[in-house]
Amino acid sequence: MKPTLLVLAAGMGSRYGGVKQIDGVGLHNEALLDYSTYDALQSGFGKVVFIIRKDIEHDFRERIFDRIARNCDASYVFQSLDSLLTPAQVAKSSNRKKPWGTIHAILCAKDVLHEPFCVINSDDYYGREAYQIMAGHLANIGNNSVEHAMVGYVLRNTMSRSGSVARAVCTVKDGYLVSMRENTKIYYEGDKIISSLDGQDRQMTGDEWVSMNFFGFAPTALSSFETFFADFLEKDILSEKAECYLPEGSSKLVTSGEGKIKFYTTQERWFGMTYQEDRAIVKNEIAQKIAGGYYPQLLWK
């Protein structure tokens, strides 16, 4: 059975200033996630599931989903603030406006994940090599496997000159992930790369391996994520901003002994839609790839 691509597309886009998931960057108004889906299908994935918010459903269908669904097995599920929460938890978090995070998003899709799956962000460009690597791994594991995978990127290849980025810095040993630490603010200061963590600024080398939320899991990971999210709610149910991050949940999967994460690497250069200023950069990058024959001018029939 071919693996599934799971696309996280329910974010608020607060730094971007709009619904970046459906913002057109291709010659025919394709969004960045159109190209991600295309790369995945070209690399051996069998279907795609999008996680979206209910309030963008109409625009999402009109701008993106309907054309993708004409070309492959595609579906979507909703992530909402009350998804998977008990009535008591909903009442406690009544002031919450921000989504609960990427672990919560994945759990919103758990009922449709019946085979190994790859998780990506909708607003990041990963490069086709990453999909080829992940499709190869996932095609060779079963649903009961506890050997998961991720593709790591070189930090300097994932930076933006438009503002700070959040990256999880990875510790790796013998080809497997040991742990990850989320750095929510990494930015350029001149030509230096600085990370603000725990109230201190540290200069990074730029050669660190980081997570770009490109993970592959067997369905066994979902039970670990359910426990991780339950613990998160126990601690942060009253917080209006705390999020349950996939890198931290994946790190806990490893440190708890519930699974292993094979660490693959790529030298691909990331680009993405974090800030409004990034849109022109992304459009130019996509245009160059089309001009070079990497993508067809018309992506979908």
C-alpha atoms as a PDB file:
ATOM      1  CA  MET A   1       0.000   0.000   0.000  1.00  0.00           C
ATOM      2  CA  LYS A   2       1.332   3.431  -0.921  1.00  0.00           C
ATOM      3  CA  PRO A   3       1.886   5.916   1.929  1.00  0.00           C
ATOM      4  CA  THR A   4      -0.321   8.942   2.591  1.00  0.00           C
ATOM      5  CA  LEU A   5       0.735  12.592   2.533  1.00  0.00           C
ATOM      6  CA  LEU A   6      -0.742  14.532   5.467  1.00  0.00           C
ATOM      7  CA  VAL A   7      -0.639  18.306   4.929  1.00  0.00           C
ATOM      8  CA  LEU A   8      -0.913  20.664   7.911  1.00  0.00           C
ATOM      9  CA  ALA A   9      -2.928  23.572   6.509  1.00  0.00           C
ATOM     10  CA  ALA A  10      -4.946  24.896   9.460  1.00  0.00           C
ATOM     11  CA  GLY A  11      -2.526  27.564  10.695  1.00  0.00           C
ATOM     12  CA  MET A  12      -3.582  31.151  11.285  1.00  0.00           C
ATOM     13  CA  GLY A  13      -0.838  32.846   9.216  1.00  0.00           C
ATOM     14  CA  SER A  14      -0.432  35.625  11.797  1.00  0.00           C
ATOM     15  CA  ARG A  15       3.068  36.633  10.663  1.00  0.00           C
ATOM     16  CA  TYR A  16       2.104  36.375   6.992  1.00  0.00           C
ATOM     17  CA  GLY A  17      -1.011  38.485   7.402  1.00  0.00           C
ATOM     18  CA  GLY A  18      -3.388  36.224   5.498  1.00  0.00           C
ATOM     19  CA  VAL A  19      -4.357  32.694   4.531  1.00  0.00           C
ATOM     20  CA  LYS A  20      -1.009  31.715   3.035  1.00  0.00           C
ATOM     21  CA  GLN A  21      -2.132  28.118   2.485  1.00  0.00           C
ATOM     22  CA  ILE A  22      -4.155  29.207  -0.554  1.00  0.00           C
ATOM     23  CA  ASP A  23      -2.087  32.146  -1.789  1.00  0.00           C
ATOM     24  CA  GLY A  24      -1.180  31.682  -5.461  1.00  0.00           C
ATOM     25  CA  VAL A  25       2.512  31.567  -6.407  1.00  0.00           C
ATOM     26  CA  GLY A  26       2.501  29.512  -9.637  1.00  0.00           C
ATOM     27  CA  LEU A  27       1.908  30.589 -13.233  1.00  0.00           C
ATOM     28  CA  HIS A  28      -1.721  29.472 -12.998  1.00  0.00           C
ATOM     29  CA  ASN A  29      -2.284  30.606  -9.404  1.00  0.00           C
ATOM     30  CA  GLU A  30      -1.098  27.314  -7.888  1.00  0.00           C
ATOM     31  CA  ALA A  31      -0.285  27.517  -4.180  1.00  0.00           C
ATOM     32  CA  LEU A  32       2.896  26.191  -2.635  1.00  0.00           C
ATOM     33  CA  LEU A  33       1.058  23.106  -1.388  1.00  0.00           C
ATOM     34  CA  ASP A  34       0.068  22.292  -4.988  1.00  0.00           C
ATOM     35  CA  TYR A  35       3.751  21.763  -5.718  1.00  0.00           C
ATOM     36  CA  SER A  36       4.261  19.754  -2.524  1.00  0.00           C
ATOM     37  CA  THR A  37       1.379  17.469  -3.457  1.00  0.00           C
ATOM     38  CA  TYR A  38       2.696  17.105  -7.003  1.00  0.00           C
ATOM     39  CA  ASP A  39       6.189  16.196  -5.751  1.00  0.00           C
ATOM     40  CA  ALA A  40       4.749  13.625  -3.328  1.00  0.00           C
ATOM     41  CA  LEU A  41       2.632  11.938  -5.994  1.00  0.00           C
ATOM     42  CA  GLN A  42       5.592  11.866  -8.379  1.00  0.00           C
ATOM     43  CA  SER A  43       7.651  10.204  -5.618  1.00  0.00           C
ATOM     44  CA  GLY A  44       5.333   7.311  -4.810  1.00  0.00           C
ATOM     45  CA  PHE A  45       2.659   8.589  -2.409  1.00  0.00           C
ATOM     46  CA  GLY A  46      -0.828   7.259  -3.021  1.00  0.00           C
ATOM     47  CA  LYS A  47      -3.148   9.874  -1.570  1.00  0.00           C
ATOM     48  CA  VAL A  48      -3.213  13.206   0.249  1.00  0.00           C
ATOM     49  CA  VAL A  49      -5.156  14.377   3.305  1.00  0.00           C
ATOM     50  CA  PHE A  50      -5.324  18.075   4.156  1.00  0.00           C
ATOM     51  CA  ILE A  51      -6.007  19.383   7.655  1.00  0.00           C
ATOM     52  CA  ILE A  52      -7.816  22.718   7.422  1.00  0.00           C
ATOM     53  CA  ARG A  53     -10.008  25.089   9.407  1.00  0.00           C
ATOM     54  CA  LYS A  54     -13.746  25.109   8.783  1.00  0.00           C
ATOM     55  CA  ASP A  55     -13.728  28.846   8.089  1.00  0.00           C
ATOM     56  CA  ILE A  56     -11.451  28.474   5.040  1.00  0.00           C
ATOM     57  CA  GLU A  57     -13.251  25.441   3.566  1.00  0.00           C
ATOM     58  CA  HIS A  58     -15.034  27.308   0.776  1.00  0.00           C
ATOM     59  CA  ASP A  59     -11.932  29.184  -0.391  1.00  0.00           C
ATOM     60  CA  PHE A  60      -9.766  26.086   0.038  1.00  0.00           C
ATOM     61  CA  ARG A  61     -12.030  24.003  -2.165  1.00  0.00           C
ATOM     62  CA  GLU A  62     -12.422  26.722  -4.770  1.00  0.00           C
ATOM     63  CA  ARG A  63      -8.761  27.758  -4.939  1.00  0.00           C
ATOM     64  CA  ILE A  64      -6.968  24.426  -4.447  1.00  0.00           C
ATOM     65  CA  PHE A  65      -8.726  21.255  -3.375  1.00  0.00           C
ATOM     66  CA  ASP A  66     -11.145  20.642  -6.239  1.00  0.00           C
ATOM     67  CA  ARG A  67      -8.409  20.701  -8.893  1.00  0.00           C
ATOM     68  CA  ILE A  68      -6.116  18.448  -6.862  1.00  0.00           C
ATOM     69  CA  ALA A  69      -8.961  16.014  -6.176  1.00  0.00           C
ATOM     70  CA  ARG A  70      -9.551  15.683  -9.937  1.00  0.00           C
ATOM     71  CA  ASN A  71      -6.009  14.341 -10.262  1.00  0.00           C
ATOM     72  CA  CYS A  72      -5.560  12.080  -7.234  1.00  0.00           C
ATOM     73  CA  ASP A  73      -7.141  10.526  -4.156  1.00  0.00           C
ATOM     74  CA  ALA A  74      -7.586  13.592  -1.943  1.00  0.00           C
ATOM     75  CA  SER A  75      -9.638  14.436   1.144  1.00  0.00           C
ATOM     76  CA  TYR A  76      -9.605  16.860   4.050  1.00  0.00           C
ATOM     77  CA  VAL A  77     -10.459  16.970   7.741  1.00  0.00           C
ATOM     78  CA  PHE A  78     -11.050  19.856  10.119  1.00  0.00           C
ATOM     79  CA  GLN A  79      -9.004  21.069  13.063  1.00  0.00           C
ATOM     80  CA  SER A  80     -10.970  23.210  15.473  1.00  0.00           C
ATOM     81  CA  LEU A  81     -10.360  24.434  19.005  1.00  0.00           C
ATOM     82  CA  ASP A  82     -12.843  21.949  20.458  1.00  0.00           C
ATOM     83  CA  SER A  83     -11.671  18.939  18.413  1.00  0.00           C
ATOM     84  CA  LEU A  84     -10.831  15.979  20.704  1.00  0.00           C
ATOM     85  CA  LEU A  85     -11.484  18.022  23.880  1.00  0.00           C
ATOM     86  CA  THR A  86     -14.001  17.111  26.547  1.00  0.00           C
ATOM     87  CA  PRO A  87     -16.776  19.608  27.387  1.00  0.00           C
ATOM     88  CA  ALA A  88     -14.913  20.432  30.619  1.00  0.00           C
ATOM     89  CA  GLN A  89     -11.702  21.121  28.696  1.00  0.00           C
ATOM     90  CA  VAL A  90     -13.573  23.283  26.186  1.00  0.00           C
ATOM     91  CA  ALA A  91     -15.009  25.322  29.059  1.00  0.00           C
ATOM     92  CA  LYS A  92     -11.582  25.760  30.662  1.00  0.00           C
ATOM     93  CA  SER A  93     -10.064  26.960  27.392  1.00  0.00           C
ATOM     94  CA  SER A  94     -12.909  29.283  26.392  1.00  0.00           C
ATOM     95  CA  ASN A  95     -10.534  32.240  25.921  1.00  0.00           C
ATOM     96  CA  ARG A  96      -8.366  30.316  23.488  1.00  0.00           C
ATOM     97  CA  LYS A  97      -8.117  31.689  19.913  1.00  0.00           C
ATOM     98  CA  LYS A  98      -4.879  30.081  18.668  1.00  0.00           C
ATOM     99  CA  PRO A  99      -4.904  26.468  17.352  1.00  0.00           C
ATOM    100  CA  TRP A 100      -3.528  23.823  19.725  1.00  0.00           C
ATOM    101  CA  GLY A 101      -0.580  23.017  17.486  1.00  0.00           C
ATOM    102  CA  THR A 102       0.731  20.396  15.102  1.00  0.00           C
ATOM    103  CA  ILE A 103       0.338  17.330  17.343  1.00  0.00           C
ATOM    104  CA  HIS A 104      -3.319  18.223  17.814  1.00  0.00           C
ATOM    105  CA  ALA A 105      -3.689  18.692  14.045  1.00  0.00           C
ATOM    106  CA  ILE A 106      -2.375  15.193  13.332  1.00  0.00           C
ATOM    107  CA  LEU A 107      -4.693  13.678  15.920  1.00  0.00           C
ATOM    108  CA  CYS A 108      -7.645  15.382  14.201  1.00  0.00           C
ATOM    109  CA  ALA A 109      -6.856  13.175  11.190  1.00  0.00           C
ATOM    110  CA  LYS A 110      -6.222   9.922  13.061  1.00  0.00           C
ATOM    111  CA  ASP A 111      -9.472   8.281  11.913  1.00  0.00           C
ATOM    112  CA  VAL A 112      -8.430   8.499   8.243  1.00  0.00           C
ATOM    113  CA  LEU A 113      -4.809   7.400   8.669  1.00  0.00           C
ATOM    114  CA  HIS A 114      -4.816   3.672   7.901  1.00  0.00           C
ATOM    115  CA  GLU A 115      -1.283   3.335   6.508  1.00  0.00           C
ATOM    116  CA  PRO A 116       2.165   4.877   7.053  1.00  0.00           C
ATOM    117  CA  PHE A 117       2.020   8.611   6.438  1.00  0.00           C
ATOM    118  CA  CYS A 118       4.255  11.630   5.928  1.00  0.00           C
ATOM    119  CA  VAL A 119       3.547  14.954   7.654  1.00  0.00           C
ATOM    120  CA  ILE A 120       4.415  18.298   6.038  1.00  0.00           C
ATOM    121  CA  ASN A 121       3.606  21.986   6.484  1.00  0.00           C
ATOM    122  CA  SER A 122       1.494  23.576   3.763  1.00  0.00           C
ATOM    123  CA  ASP A 123       3.626  26.726   3.563  1.00  0.00           C
ATOM    124  CA  ASP A 124       7.074  25.129   3.181  1.00  0.00           C
ATOM    125  CA  TYR A 125       8.883  23.995   0.045  1.00  0.00           C
ATOM    126  CA  TYR A 126      10.874  20.832   0.772  1.00  0.00           C
ATOM    127  CA  GLY A 127      12.273  19.684  -2.591  1.00  0.00           C
ATOM    128  CA  ARG A 128      11.404  16.439  -4.368  1.00  0.00           C
ATOM    129  CA  GLU A 129      14.361  14.526  -2.943  1.00  0.00           C
ATOM    130  CA  ALA A 130      12.798  14.600   0.522  1.00  0.00           C
ATOM    131  CA  TYR A 131       9.588  12.983  -0.762  1.00  0.00           C
ATOM    132  CA  GLN A 132      11.553  10.312  -2.598  1.00  0.00           C
ATOM    133  CA  ILE A 133      13.518   9.495   0.550  1.00  0.00           C
ATOM    134  CA  MET A 134      10.402   9.356   2.712  1.00  0.00           C
ATOM    135  CA  ALA A 135       8.320   7.364   0.238  1.00  0.00           C
ATOM    136  CA  GLY A 136      11.100   4.759   0.107  1.00  0.00           C
ATOM    137  CA  HIS A 137      11.169   4.459   3.894  1.00  0.00           C
ATOM    138  CA  LEU A 138       7.405   4.323   4.410  1.00  0.00           C
ATOM    139  CA  ALA A 139       6.883   1.781   1.625  1.00  0.00           C
ATOM    140  CA  ASN A 140       9.110  -0.638   3.511  1.00  0.00           C
ATOM    141  CA  ILE A 141       7.471  -0.512   6.945  1.00  0.00           C
ATOM    142  CA  GLY A 142       4.163  -1.961   8.123  1.00  0.00           C
ATOM    143  CA  ASN A 143       1.374  -0.400  10.160  1.00  0.00           C
ATOM    144  CA  ASN A 144       2.749  -2.007  13.323  1.00  0.00           C
ATOM    145  CA  SER A 145       6.287  -0.712  12.856  1.00  0.00           C
ATOM    146  CA  VAL A 146       7.892   1.435  15.550  1.00  0.00           C
ATOM    147  CA  GLU A 147      10.635   2.686  13.229  1.00  0.00           C
ATOM    148  CA  HIS A 148       9.556   6.082  12.008  1.00  0.00           C
ATOM    149  CA  ALA A 149      11.571   8.630  10.021  1.00  0.00           C
ATOM    150  CA  MET A 150      12.309  12.267   9.352  1.00  0.00           C
ATOM    151  CA  VAL A 151      14.270  14.278   6.823  1.00  0.00           C
ATOM    152  CA  GLY A 152      16.558  16.867   8.376  1.00  0.00           C
ATOM    153  CA  TYR A 153      17.751  20.080   6.763  1.00  0.00           C
ATOM    154  CA  VAL A 154      20.873  22.194   7.217  1.00  0.00           C
ATOM    155  CA  LEU A 155      19.933  25.261   9.268  1.00  0.00           C
ATOM    156  CA  ARG A 156      21.528  27.795   6.909  1.00  0.00           C
ATOM    157  CA  ASN A 157      19.438  26.326   4.063  1.00  0.00           C
ATOM    158  CA  THR A 158      16.207  27.070   5.951  1.00  0.00           C
ATOM    159  CA  MET A 159      16.672  30.705   7.006  1.00  0.00           C
ATOM    160  CA  SER A 160      14.645  33.733   5.920  1.00  0.00           C
ATOM    161  CA  ARG A 161      15.961  37.277   5.517  1.00  0.00           C
ATOM    162  CA  SER A 162      12.419  38.562   6.091  1.00  0.00           C
ATOM    163  CA  GLY A 163      12.354  37.776   9.811  1.00  0.00           C
ATOM    164  CA  SER A 164      12.855  35.112  12.448  1.00  0.00           C
ATOM    165  CA  VAL A 165      11.958  31.453  11.979  1.00  0.00           C
ATOM    166  CA  ALA A 166      11.164  28.601  14.374  1.00  0.00           C
ATOM    167  CA  ARG A 167      13.288  25.487  13.975  1.00  0.00           C
ATOM    168  CA  ALA A 168      13.808  22.381  16.101  1.00  0.00           C
ATOM    169  CA  VAL A 169      17.525  21.625  16.432  1.00  0.00           C
ATOM    170  CA  CYS A 170      18.235  17.895  16.237  1.00  0.00           C
ATOM    171  CA  THR A 171      20.667  15.677  18.104  1.00  0.00           C
ATOM    172  CA  VAL A 172      21.548  12.602  16.035  1.00  0.00           C
ATOM    173  CA  LYS A 173      23.547   9.444  16.760  1.00  0.00           C
ATOM    174  CA  ASP A 174      24.267   6.485  14.464  1.00  0.00           C
ATOM    175  CA  GLY A 175      21.687   7.615  11.937  1.00  0.00           C
ATOM    176  CA  TYR A 176      18.824   7.952  14.426  1.00  0.00           C
ATOM    177  CA  LEU A 177      17.272  10.925  16.174  1.00  0.00           C
ATOM    178  CA  VAL A 178      18.242  11.273  19.824  1.00  0.00           C
ATOM    179  CA  SER A 179      16.251  14.407  20.661  1.00  0.00           C
ATOM    180  CA  MET A 180      14.964  17.729  19.320  1.00  0.00           C
ATOM    181  CA  ARG A 181      14.703  21.138  20.946  1.00  0.00           C
ATOM    182  CA  GLU A 182      12.323  23.717  19.521  1.00  0.00           C
ATOM    183  CA  ASN A 183      13.966  27.099  18.959  1.00  0.00           C
ATOM    184  CA  THR A 184      11.071  29.478  18.331  1.00  0.00           C
ATOM    185  CA  LYS A 185      13.197  32.481  17.295  1.00  0.00           C
ATOM    186  CA  ILE A 186      16.219  32.080  14.996  1.00  0.00           C
ATOM    187  CA  TYR A 187      17.208  35.087  12.911  1.00  0.00           C
ATOM    188  CA  TYR A 188      19.950  36.835  10.993  1.00  0.00           C
ATOM    189  CA  GLU A 189      21.979  39.566  12.659  1.00  0.00           C
ATOM    190  CA  GLY A 190      24.056  40.754   9.733  1.00  0.00           C
ATOM    191  CA  ASP A 191      25.600  37.526   8.468  1.00  0.00           C
ATOM    192  CA  LYS A 192      25.409  35.844  11.872  1.00  0.00           C
ATOM    193  CA  ILE A 193      22.656  33.367  12.727  1.00  0.00           C
ATOM    194  CA  ILE A 194      21.324  33.977  16.240  1.00  0.00           C
ATOM    195  CA  SER A 195      19.015  31.813  18.329  1.00  0.00           C
ATOM    196  CA  SER A 196      17.062  33.287  21.239  1.00  0.00           C
ATOM    197  CA  LEU A 197      16.425  30.440  23.661  1.00  0.00           C
ATOM    198  CA  ASP A 198      15.597  30.480  27.362  1.00  0.00           C
ATOM    199  CA  GLY A 199      16.152  34.241  27.498  1.00  0.00           C
ATOM    200  CA  GLN A 200      19.658  34.058  26.028  1.00  0.00           C
ATOM    201  CA  ASP A 201      21.001  34.811  22.558  1.00  0.00           C
ATOM    202  CA  ARG A 202      23.387  32.251  21.094  1.00  0.00           C
ATOM    203  CA  GLN A 203      25.230  32.312  17.782  1.00  0.00           C
ATOM    204  CA  MET A 204      24.602  29.235  15.643  1.00  0.00           C
ATOM    205  CA  THR A 205      27.092  27.824  13.149  1.00  0.00           C
ATOM    206  CA  GLY A 206      24.425  27.398  10.464  1.00  0.00           C
ATOM    207  CA  ASP A 207      25.492  23.771   9.993  1.00  0.00           C
ATOM    208  CA  GLU A 208      23.101  22.381  12.614  1.00  0.00           C
ATOM    209  CA  TRP A 209      20.574  19.785  11.510  1.00  0.00           C
ATOM    210  CA  VAL A 210      17.040  21.056  12.012  1.00  0.00           C
ATOM    211  CA  SER A 211      13.517  19.755  11.638  1.00  0.00           C
ATOM    212  CA  MET A 212      11.233  21.327   9.042  1.00  0.00           C
ATOM    213  CA  ASN A 213       8.259  19.206  10.158  1.00  0.00           C
ATOM    214  CA  PHE A 214       8.995  16.587   7.496  1.00  0.00           C
ATOM    215  CA  PHE A 215       8.228  13.351   9.341  1.00  0.00           C
ATOM    216  CA  GLY A 216       7.113   9.869   8.410  1.00  0.00           C
ATOM    217  CA  PHE A 217       5.196   7.680  10.836  1.00  0.00           C
ATOM    218  CA  ALA A 218       3.580   4.293  11.082  1.00  0.00           C
ATOM    219  CA  PRO A 219       0.109   4.533  12.683  1.00  0.00           C
ATOM    220  CA  THR A 220       1.608   3.254  15.959  1.00  0.00           C
ATOM    221  CA  ALA A 221       2.897   6.786  16.615  1.00  0.00           C
ATOM    222  CA  LEU A 222      -0.634   8.086  17.085  1.00  0.00           C
ATOM    223  CA  SER A 223      -1.098   6.509  20.524  1.00  0.00           C
ATOM    224  CA  SER A 224       2.109   8.154  21.723  1.00  0.00           C
ATOM    225  CA  PHE A 225       0.898  11.510  20.369  1.00  0.00           C
ATOM    226  CA  GLU A 226      -2.438  11.084  22.163  1.00  0.00           C
ATOM    227  CA  THR A 227      -0.609  10.647  25.460  1.00  0.00           C
ATOM    228  CA  PHE A 228       1.667  13.599  24.705  1.00  0.00           C
ATOM    229  CA  PHE A 229      -1.298  15.844  23.898  1.00  0.00           C
ATOM    230  CA  ALA A 230      -3.189  14.752  27.010  1.00  0.00           C
ATOM    231  CA  ASP A 231      -0.143  15.658  29.130  1.00  0.00           C
ATOM    232  CA  PHE A 232       0.084  18.996  27.329  1.00  0.00           C
ATOM    233  CA  LEU A 233      -3.544  19.813  28.107  1.00  0.00           C
ATOM    234  CA  GLU A 234      -3.038  18.837  31.731  1.00  0.00           C
ATOM    235  CA  LYS A 235      -0.262  21.415  31.970  1.00  0.00           C
ATOM    236  CA  ASP A 236      -1.336  24.152  29.535  1.00  0.00           C
ATOM    237  CA  ILE A 237      -5.132  23.989  29.232  1.00  0.00           C
ATOM    238  CA  LEU A 238      -5.433  27.571  30.546  1.00  0.00           C
ATOM    239  CA  SER A 239      -2.781  29.006  28.240  1.00  0.00           C
ATOM    240  CA  GLU A 240      -4.004  31.133  25.345  1.00  0.00           C
ATOM    241  CA  LYS A 241      -0.814  30.704  23.299  1.00  0.00           C
ATOM    242  CA  ALA A 242       1.061  27.501  24.233  1.00  0.00           C
ATOM    243  CA  GLU A 243       1.148  24.971  21.367  1.00  0.00           C
ATOM    244  CA  CYS A 244       1.734  21.223  21.279  1.00  0.00           C
ATOM    245  CA  TYR A 245       4.555  20.923  18.738  1.00  0.00           C
ATOM    246  CA  LEU A 246       5.255  17.905  16.553  1.00  0.00           C
ATOM    247  CA  PRO A 247       9.075  18.062  17.014  1.00  0.00           C
ATOM    248  CA  GLU A 248       8.654  17.894  20.787  1.00  0.00           C
ATOM    249  CA  GLY A 249       6.107  15.073  20.543  1.00  0.00           C
ATOM    250  CA  SER A 250       8.411  13.181  18.187  1.00  0.00           C
ATOM    251  CA  SER A 251      11.338  13.704  20.536  1.00  0.00           C
ATOM    252  CA  LYS A 252       9.241  12.304  23.398  1.00  0.00           C
ATOM    253  CA  LEU A 253       8.368   9.294  21.220  1.00  0.00           C
ATOM    254  CA  VAL A 254      12.086   8.534  21.065  1.00  0.00           C
ATOM    255  CA  THR A 255      13.118   9.353  24.636  1.00  0.00           C
ATOM    256  CA  SER A 256      10.211   7.335  26.053  1.00  0.00           C
ATOM    257  CA  GLY A 257      11.371   4.264  24.144  1.00  0.00           C
ATOM    258  CA  GLU A 258       8.060   3.935  22.291  1.00  0.00           C
ATOM    259  CA  GLY A 259       9.696   4.260  18.897  1.00  0.00           C
ATOM    260  CA  LYS A 260      12.777   5.147  16.880  1.00  0.00           C
ATOM    261  CA  ILE A 261      13.152   7.835  14.230  1.00  0.00           C
ATOM    262  CA  LYS A 262      15.515   7.156  11.364  1.00  0.00           C
ATOM    263  CA  PHE A 263      17.285  10.412  10.501  1.00  0.00           C
ATOM    264  CA  TYR A 264      17.645  11.056   6.790  1.00  0.00           C
ATOM    265  CA  THR A 265      19.225  14.223   5.431  1.00  0.00           C
ATOM    266  CA  THR A 266      18.977  16.452   2.396  1.00  0.00           C
ATOM    267  CA  GLN A 267      20.934  19.415   1.085  1.00  0.00           C
ATOM    268  CA  GLU A 268      17.794  20.863  -0.508  1.00  0.00           C
ATOM    269  CA  ARG A 269      17.280  24.576   0.097  1.00  0.00           C
ATOM    270  CA  TRP A 270      14.048  25.498   1.787  1.00  0.00           C
ATOM    271  CA  PHE A 271      11.842  28.417   0.928  1.00  0.00           C
ATOM    272  CA  GLY A 272       8.438  29.197   2.311  1.00  0.00           C
ATOM    273  CA  MET A 273       5.595  31.587   3.059  1.00  0.00           C
ATOM    274  CA  THR A 274       6.357  32.768   6.579  1.00  0.00           C
ATOM    275  CA  TYR A 275       6.160  36.513   5.875  1.00  0.00           C
ATOM    276  CA  GLN A 276       4.359  38.541   3.218  1.00  0.00           C
ATOM    277  CA  GLU A 277       7.781  39.576   1.878  1.00  0.00           C
ATOM    278  CA  ASP A 278       8.482  35.892   1.151  1.00  0.00           C
ATOM    279  CA  ARG A 279       5.775  35.690  -1.507  1.00  0.00           C
ATOM    280  CA  ALA A 280       7.853  37.392  -4.224  1.00  0.00           C
ATOM    281  CA  ILE A 281      10.805  35.110  -3.405  1.00  0.00           C
ATOM    282  CA  VAL A 282       8.645  31.988  -3.626  1.00  0.00           C
ATOM    283  CA  LYS A 283       7.072  33.093  -6.918  1.00  0.00           C
ATOM    284  CA  ASN A 284      10.528  33.672  -8.394  1.00  0.00           C
ATOM    285  CA  GLU A 285      11.832  30.298  -7.169  1.00  0.00           C
ATOM    286  CA  ILE A 286       8.852  28.463  -8.647  1.00  0.00           C
ATOM    287  CA  ALA A 287       9.144  30.380 -11.929  1.00  0.00           C
ATOM    288  CA  GLN A 288      12.808  29.379 -12.222  1.00  0.00           C
ATOM    289  CA  LYS A 289      11.959  25.719 -11.630  1.00  0.00           C
ATOM    290  CA  ILE A 290       9.264  25.863 -14.310  1.00  0.00           C
ATOM    291  CA  ALA A 291      11.650  27.565 -16.745  1.00  0.00           C
ATOM    292  CA  GLY A 292      14.215  24.839 -16.066  1.00  0.00           C
ATOM    293  CA  GLY A 293      11.700  22.059 -16.750  1.00  0.00           C
ATOM    294  CA  TYR A 294      11.519  20.830 -13.149  1.00  0.00           C
ATOM    295  CA  TYR A 295       7.754  21.499 -13.140  1.00  0.00           C
ATOM    296  CA  PRO A 296       5.354  21.700 -16.095  1.00  0.00           C
ATOM    297  CA  GLN A 297       3.834  25.111 -16.784  1.00  0.00           C
ATOM    298  CA  LEU A 298       0.383  23.692 -16.044  1.00  0.00           C
ATOM    299  CA  LEU A 299       0.733  21.525 -12.959  1.00  0.00           C
ATOM    300  CA  TRP A 300      -2.684  19.808 -13.001  1.00  0.00           C
ATOM    301  CA  LYS A 301      -4.938  18.698 -15.811  1.00  0.00           C
END
